[in-house]
Protein backbone atom coordinates (compact mmCIF):
# COMPACT_ATOMS: atom_id res chain seq x y z
CA UNK A 1 -7.86 -4.25 -10.47
CA UNK A 2 -8.50 -1.71 -7.57
CA UNK A 3 -6.05 1.13 -6.02
CA UNK A 4 -5.61 -0.04 -2.85
CA UNK A 5 -2.79 -1.43 -1.08
CA UNK A 6 -2.71 -4.94 0.01
CA UNK A 7 -0.59 -4.21 2.95
CA UNK A 8 -1.86 -0.67 4.39
CA UNK A 9 -5.24 -0.60 3.22
CA UNK A 10 -4.46 2.74 1.80
CA UNK A 11 -6.77 3.55 -1.38
CA UNK A 12 -7.99 7.12 -3.10
CA UNK A 13 -8.67 10.29 -1.26
CA UNK A 14 -10.89 12.93 -3.27
CA UNK A 15 -10.79 16.93 -2.94
CA UNK A 16 -10.31 19.94 -4.66
CA UNK A 17 -8.33 20.99 -7.81
CA UNK A 18 -8.15 24.66 -7.13
CA UNK A 19 -7.34 27.30 -10.10
CA UNK A 20 -5.40 30.10 -10.17
CA UNK A 21 -8.71 32.20 -9.69
CA UNK A 22 -10.13 30.01 -6.76
CA UNK A 23 -11.96 27.64 -8.80
CA UNK A 24 -12.77 23.90 -6.47
CA UNK A 25 -13.46 21.29 -9.07
CA UNK A 26 -13.67 17.64 -7.54
CA UNK A 27 -10.57 15.25 -7.62
CA UNK A 28 -8.98 12.72 -6.92
CA UNK A 29 -5.75 11.65 -4.69
CA UNK A 30 -4.97 8.17 -5.92
CA UNK A 31 -1.97 6.60 -3.87
CA UNK A 32 1.25 5.43 -5.39
CA UNK A 33 1.48 1.98 -6.18
CA UNK A 34 3.38 -0.32 -7.15
CA UNK A 35 3.43 -4.09 -8.44
CA UNK A 36 6.35 -5.86 -6.83
CA UNK A 37 8.12 -9.28 -5.63
CA UNK A 38 9.34 -10.23 -2.43
CA UNK A 39 10.97 -12.75 -1.04
CA UNK A 40 10.25 -14.37 1.93
CA UNK A 41 12.88 -16.20 3.88
CA UNK A 42 11.20 -17.52 6.77
CA UNK A 43 9.03 -19.49 5.07
CA UNK A 44 11.30 -19.55 1.64
CA UNK A 45 8.25 -18.21 -0.51
CA UNK A 46 8.23 -15.19 -3.58
CA UNK A 47 5.20 -12.94 -2.99
CA UNK A 48 4.01 -10.63 -5.66
CA UNK A 49 1.82 -7.48 -4.10
CA UNK A 50 0.70 -4.47 -5.03
CA UNK A 51 1.97 -2.05 -2.45
CA UNK A 52 2.17 2.21 -1.42
CA UNK A 53 5.52 3.42 -2.05
CA UNK A 54 4.86 3.57 1.97
CA UNK A 55 4.35 0.05 2.61
CA UNK A 56 8.06 -0.41 0.49
CA UNK A 57 10.19 2.38 2.71
CA UNK A 58 8.45 0.37 5.71
CA UNK A 59 9.29 -2.81 4.12
CA UNK A 60 13.02 -1.79 4.17
CA UNK A 61 13.16 -0.44 7.18
CA UNK A 62 11.71 -3.72 9.24
CA UNK A 63 11.91 -7.17 6.53
CA UNK A 64 8.71 -7.91 4.86
CA UNK A 65 8.01 -10.87 7.66
CA UNK A 66 7.72 -8.39 10.05
CA UNK A 67 5.73 -6.25 8.52
CA UNK A 68 3.11 -7.90 7.31
CA UNK A 69 2.83 -9.52 11.09
CA UNK A 70 2.28 -6.23 12.10
CA UNK A 71 -0.43 -5.34 9.96
CA UNK A 72 -2.60 -8.64 10.62
CA UNK A 73 -2.22 -7.54 14.04
CA UNK A 74 -3.69 -4.35 13.42
CA UNK A 75 -6.52 -5.79 11.38
CA UNK A 76 -5.13 -5.29 7.57
CA UNK A 77 -3.35 -7.47 5.11
CA UNK A 78 -6.03 -10.28 5.48
CA UNK A 79 -5.38 -11.39 2.91
CA UNK A 80 -2.10 -12.13 2.16
CA UNK A 81 -1.58 -16.54 2.85
CA UNK A 82 2.06 -17.51 4.56
């Protein structure tokens, strides 16, 4: 399973691990993804999504239905059927 948020599209970034002696080695910064189940009362349906913690905070603020609609308008979250 890929490390991509289904709502925001966040994916791993690359960068450097910097030691005390300033030696740089490549590393990956993984997004903090959680598998979470959401209830959407507008369509009376449960949905299981793999979302980043940033997306969970936005869902708590806006509501799951509004947030999915907003992301689909931006061109993200296209694989989620309501």
